[in-house]
Amino acid sequence: MKREQVRERHKEGLIAATHVIQNPANPGEWIVFFKKSAGRSYFLVDENDEVESFDRLDELIEVVRGLGIKFAEIHM
């Protein structure tokens, strides 16, 4: 899901949970996914529909905050 879609769905109350996990393809990076209330999950993707990954957690947290998300679970 692209950033603007996340903002819209969050405002509508359709995102049930936000999770931050290590990128399975590169454990030195972090990715974020959102669970919708219907049980489906979506990764945060860029404009090219590629999963966004972050080298630093603090950078990822700033992005998530900018989307309006106030709570996320971090899985290590």
Protein backbone atom coordinates (compact mmCIF):
# COMPACT_ATOMS: atom_id res chain seq x y z
CA MET A 1 0.00 0.00 0.00
CA LYS A 2 1.37 3.40 -0.92
CA ARG A 3 1.75 6.16 1.67
CA GLU A 4 -1.32 8.15 0.63
CA GLN A 5 -3.45 5.00 0.73
CA VAL A 6 -2.19 4.29 4.26
CA ARG A 7 -3.14 7.82 5.37
CA GLU A 8 -6.64 7.48 3.89
CA ARG A 9 -7.31 4.03 5.33
CA HIS A 10 -5.95 5.05 8.73
CA LYS A 11 -8.30 8.06 8.81
CA GLU A 12 -11.18 5.75 7.90
CA GLY A 13 -10.24 3.39 10.76
CA LEU A 14 -9.51 0.51 8.39
CA ILE A 15 -5.98 -0.25 9.65
CA ALA A 16 -6.17 -2.55 12.65
CA ALA A 17 -2.43 -2.89 13.38
CA THR A 18 1.00 -1.75 12.24
CA HIS A 19 4.01 -4.05 12.43
CA VAL A 20 7.71 -3.40 11.85
CA ILE A 21 9.87 -6.41 10.99
CA GLN A 22 13.34 -7.14 9.72
CA ASN A 23 13.42 -7.53 5.96
CA PRO A 24 13.63 -11.29 5.29
CA ALA A 25 15.70 -10.59 2.16
CA ASN A 26 18.15 -8.37 4.07
CA PRO A 27 18.20 -8.59 7.91
CA GLY A 28 20.02 -5.23 8.07
CA GLU A 29 16.88 -3.47 6.84
CA TRP A 30 13.41 -2.91 8.27
CA ILE A 31 10.01 -3.02 6.60
CA VAL A 32 6.52 -2.17 7.75
CA PHE A 33 3.19 -3.83 7.09
CA PHE A 34 -0.35 -2.94 8.00
CA LYS A 35 -3.16 -5.29 8.97
CA LYS A 36 -6.59 -4.22 7.85
CA SER A 37 -9.66 -4.97 9.92
CA ALA A 38 -10.68 -7.68 7.44
CA GLY A 39 -7.51 -9.64 8.27
CA ARG A 40 -5.53 -8.80 5.13
CA SER A 41 -2.00 -7.41 5.36
CA TYR A 42 -0.24 -4.89 3.15
CA PHE A 43 3.39 -3.81 2.99
CA LEU A 44 4.33 -0.17 2.66
CA VAL A 45 5.39 0.27 -0.97
CA ASP A 46 6.92 3.09 -2.99
CA GLU A 47 5.61 4.67 -6.20
CA ASN A 48 7.00 1.70 -8.19
CA ASP A 49 5.10 -0.79 -5.99
CA GLU A 50 8.37 -2.01 -4.45
CA VAL A 51 8.37 -2.76 -0.72
CA GLU A 52 10.00 0.17 1.07
CA SER A 53 12.87 -0.81 3.34
CA PHE A 54 14.78 1.29 5.83
CA ASP A 55 18.34 0.96 7.10
CA ARG A 56 17.49 2.69 10.37
CA LEU A 57 14.51 2.23 12.66
CA ASP A 58 14.38 5.91 13.56
CA GLU A 59 13.88 6.81 9.89
CA LEU A 60 11.10 4.22 9.56
CA ILE A 61 9.41 5.52 12.73
CA GLU A 62 9.39 9.07 11.34
CA VAL A 63 7.74 7.82 8.15
CA VAL A 64 5.12 5.87 10.12
CA ARG A 65 4.40 8.90 12.33
CA GLY A 66 4.03 11.01 9.20
CA LEU A 67 1.30 8.62 8.06
CA GLY A 68 -0.67 9.35 11.23
CA ILE A 69 0.14 6.06 12.94
CA LYS A 70 0.74 6.42 16.67
CA PHE A 71 1.34 2.78 17.63
CA ALA A 72 3.36 0.02 15.96
CA GLU A 73 4.71 -3.32 17.12
CA ILE A 74 8.38 -3.97 16.43
CA HIS A 75 9.35 -7.61 15.86
CA MET A 76 13.03 -8.52 16.13
